[in-house]
Amino acid sequence: MTFTPSQEFTTIAAEVKAARIDVSDATRLKLYGLYKQTMFGDTDQTEPWVTSEATAKTKAWVLVKGTAREDAQAQYIADAKSILGTPK
């Protein structure tokens, strides 16, 4: 089954990318994992040992492995709106 992200997801993801807001690394990584899960589904990657940033990003995606893409999308939108101060 093909999954296509919603227009709302695409729009808010662009807003998050463009925003210069100060959030914790944990929050940034959570959004990263939800974004990757929404766009690509479950990862089959293991931890890369190239850099600590790459390892952290992979771990963030692995944490949401098994989450339905629709659910990851909904969680990303809710979290992003909260961070950006956008009404739900």
Protein backbone atom coordinates (compact mmCIF):
# COMPACT_ATOMS: atom_id res chain seq x y z
CA MET A 1 0.00 0.00 0.00
CA THR A 2 1.33 3.42 -0.96
CA PHE A 3 1.36 6.14 1.66
CA THR A 4 1.24 9.80 0.73
CA PRO A 5 1.83 12.38 3.46
CA SER A 6 -0.97 14.90 3.91
CA GLN A 7 -0.69 18.48 2.74
CA GLU A 8 -0.86 19.58 6.38
CA PHE A 9 2.16 17.39 7.20
CA THR A 10 4.13 18.69 4.22
CA THR A 11 3.34 22.29 5.12
CA ILE A 12 4.18 22.01 8.81
CA ALA A 13 7.38 20.04 8.08
CA ALA A 14 8.50 22.93 5.85
CA GLU A 15 7.62 25.40 8.62
CA VAL A 16 9.64 23.41 11.17
CA LYS A 17 12.60 23.25 8.81
CA ALA A 18 12.47 27.01 8.16
CA ALA A 19 11.86 28.00 11.79
CA ARG A 20 14.75 29.18 13.89
CA ILE A 21 13.37 28.07 17.23
CA ASP A 22 15.31 26.86 20.22
CA VAL A 23 14.21 23.36 21.21
CA SER A 24 15.99 20.62 23.09
CA ASP A 25 17.97 17.98 21.25
CA ALA A 26 15.49 15.39 22.51
CA THR A 27 12.58 17.27 20.94
CA ARG A 28 14.46 17.81 17.69
CA LEU A 29 15.35 14.11 17.52
CA LYS A 30 11.77 13.05 18.31
CA LEU A 31 10.51 15.15 15.40
CA TYR A 32 13.26 13.71 13.19
CA GLY A 33 12.22 10.15 14.02
CA LEU A 34 8.54 10.88 13.43
CA TYR A 35 9.35 12.62 10.13
CA LYS A 36 11.42 9.68 8.88
CA GLN A 37 8.77 7.17 10.00
CA THR A 38 6.07 9.16 8.20
CA MET A 39 8.07 9.51 5.00
CA PHE A 40 9.74 6.09 4.80
CA GLY A 41 8.14 3.72 7.33
CA ASP A 42 10.18 1.33 9.46
CA THR A 43 13.94 1.58 9.28
CA ASP A 44 16.12 -1.45 8.85
CA GLN A 45 19.25 0.50 9.76
CA THR A 46 21.46 -0.41 12.63
CA GLU A 47 23.33 2.20 14.56
CA PRO A 48 25.92 3.94 12.40
CA TRP A 49 29.15 4.58 14.22
CA VAL A 50 30.20 7.41 11.92
CA THR A 51 29.26 10.30 14.19
CA SER A 52 27.33 10.71 17.39
CA GLU A 53 24.76 12.85 15.51
CA ALA A 54 24.11 10.08 12.97
CA THR A 55 23.79 7.57 15.81
CA ALA A 56 21.32 9.81 17.65
CA LYS A 57 19.22 10.30 14.52
CA THR A 58 19.11 6.57 13.80
CA LYS A 59 18.13 5.84 17.41
CA ALA A 60 15.33 8.43 17.17
CA TRP A 61 13.95 6.69 14.09
CA VAL A 62 14.33 3.22 15.64
CA LEU A 63 12.31 4.39 18.66
CA VAL A 64 9.22 4.86 16.46
CA LYS A 65 9.74 1.67 14.44
CA GLY A 66 6.45 -0.20 14.20
CA THR A 67 4.40 2.99 14.41
CA ALA A 68 1.90 3.28 11.58
CA ARG A 69 2.92 6.02 9.16
CA GLU A 70 -0.46 7.72 9.66
CA ASP A 71 0.08 7.72 13.44
CA ALA A 72 3.64 9.06 13.11
CA GLN A 73 2.31 11.79 10.84
CA ALA A 74 -0.40 12.77 13.33
CA GLN A 75 2.09 12.84 16.22
CA TYR A 76 4.58 14.91 14.18
CA ILE A 77 1.87 17.45 13.29
CA ALA A 78 0.70 17.72 16.91
CA ASP A 79 4.23 18.09 18.28
CA ALA A 80 5.28 20.56 15.59
CA LYS A 81 2.18 22.71 16.14
CA SER A 82 2.92 22.77 19.86
CA ILE A 83 6.51 23.85 19.25
CA LEU A 84 5.58 26.44 16.65
CA GLY A 85 2.66 27.78 18.67
CA THR A 86 0.21 26.95 15.88
CA PRO A 87 -3.40 26.24 16.89
CA LYS A 88 -4.33 22.56 16.73
